Amino acid sequence: MQIFMSSGLKISDIDLIYLQTDKISRLSILTLIYRAIPASDGPGPGTTFMPECIKTAREALETHRQCVATLNETPDFMKISYMHW
């Protein structure tokens, strides 16, 4: 997303939200893929998740948190659009 913002392209607020929702979707899917891989060398016994799974899930949640914070300052139609993606 930083590439779009620094490139000088004019991108609307709704397009930026859609780019963020795409990122959240990709991170969520990647988290599920990592979840399917058994954790073999965890930090201790009983490790369920591999570190990449946890890192990706946290990034997805943080991106979602940033989106929701941004949406507080947007019209209702953008909030509705985000909640229905």
Protein backbone atom coordinates (compact mmCIF):
# COMPACT_ATOMS: atom_id res chain seq x y z
CA MET A 1 0.00 0.00 0.00
CA GLN A 2 2.92 2.33 0.65
CA ILE A 3 3.85 1.94 -3.03
CA PHE A 4 0.50 3.38 -4.08
CA MET A 5 0.73 6.28 -1.67
CA SER A 6 4.27 7.25 -2.68
CA SER A 7 3.73 6.80 -6.43
CA GLY A 8 1.66 9.95 -6.79
CA LEU A 9 -1.38 8.05 -8.04
CA LYS A 10 -4.70 9.47 -6.95
CA ILE A 11 -6.47 6.72 -5.06
CA SER A 12 -9.80 7.29 -3.36
CA ASP A 13 -10.41 6.47 0.28
CA ILE A 14 -12.67 3.58 -0.69
CA ASP A 15 -9.96 2.13 -2.94
CA LEU A 16 -7.48 2.29 -0.06
CA ILE A 17 -9.96 0.44 2.15
CA TYR A 18 -10.43 -2.19 -0.57
CA LEU A 19 -6.66 -2.63 -0.82
CA GLN A 20 -6.52 -3.14 2.94
CA THR A 21 -9.36 -5.68 2.87
CA ASP A 22 -7.49 -7.56 0.15
CA LYS A 23 -4.39 -7.63 2.36
CA ILE A 24 -6.43 -8.88 5.33
CA SER A 25 -7.94 -11.65 3.19
CA ARG A 26 -4.54 -12.75 1.90
CA LEU A 27 -3.04 -12.75 5.40
CA SER A 28 -6.01 -14.72 6.75
CA ILE A 29 -5.63 -17.37 4.06
CA LEU A 30 -1.89 -17.55 4.66
CA THR A 31 -2.56 -18.00 8.38
CA LEU A 32 -4.84 -20.95 7.59
CA ILE A 33 -2.18 -22.47 5.35
CA TYR A 34 0.43 -22.11 8.09
CA ARG A 35 -2.05 -23.59 10.57
CA ALA A 36 -2.26 -26.74 8.46
CA ILE A 37 1.51 -27.24 8.75
CA PRO A 38 2.44 -29.11 11.94
CA ALA A 39 4.73 -27.22 14.30
CA SER A 40 7.79 -29.38 14.69
CA ASP A 41 10.47 -27.26 16.37
CA GLY A 42 8.52 -25.09 18.77
CA PRO A 43 9.94 -23.30 21.77
CA GLY A 44 8.59 -25.91 24.14
CA PRO A 45 6.48 -29.01 24.46
CA GLY A 46 2.89 -28.77 23.31
CA THR A 47 3.56 -26.09 20.67
CA THR A 48 0.57 -26.03 18.34
CA PHE A 49 1.34 -23.17 15.98
CA MET A 50 4.49 -22.51 14.02
CA PRO A 51 5.93 -18.98 14.50
CA GLU A 52 5.00 -17.91 10.95
CA CYS A 53 1.36 -18.73 11.67
CA ILE A 54 1.28 -16.54 14.75
CA LYS A 55 3.16 -13.69 13.04
CA THR A 56 0.82 -13.72 10.04
CA ALA A 57 -2.30 -13.87 12.20
CA ARG A 58 -1.08 -10.91 14.25
CA GLU A 59 -0.37 -8.92 11.09
CA ALA A 60 -3.88 -9.67 9.79
CA LEU A 61 -5.42 -8.52 13.07
CA GLU A 62 -3.31 -5.37 13.19
CA THR A 63 -4.25 -4.48 9.60
CA HIS A 64 -7.90 -5.03 10.47
CA ARG A 65 -7.52 -2.83 13.57
CA GLN A 66 -6.02 -0.04 11.45
CA CYS A 67 -8.87 -0.34 8.95
CA VAL A 68 -11.51 -0.10 11.63
CA ALA A 69 -9.76 2.95 13.13
CA THR A 70 -9.71 4.59 9.69
CA LEU A 71 -13.37 3.78 9.14
CA ASN A 72 -14.40 5.79 12.20
CA GLU A 73 -13.80 8.91 10.12
CA THR A 74 -15.60 7.77 6.96
CA PRO A 75 -19.19 7.95 5.72
CA ASP A 76 -21.59 5.16 6.66
CA PHE A 77 -21.55 3.58 3.20
CA MET A 78 -17.83 2.85 3.57
CA LYS A 79 -18.37 1.22 6.97
CA ILE A 80 -21.16 -0.91 5.52
CA SER A 81 -19.02 -1.84 2.52
CA TYR A 82 -16.14 -2.89 4.78
CA MET A 83 -18.34 -4.99 7.04
CA HIS A 84 -19.80 -6.84 4.04
CA TRP A 85 -16.59 -7.79 2.28
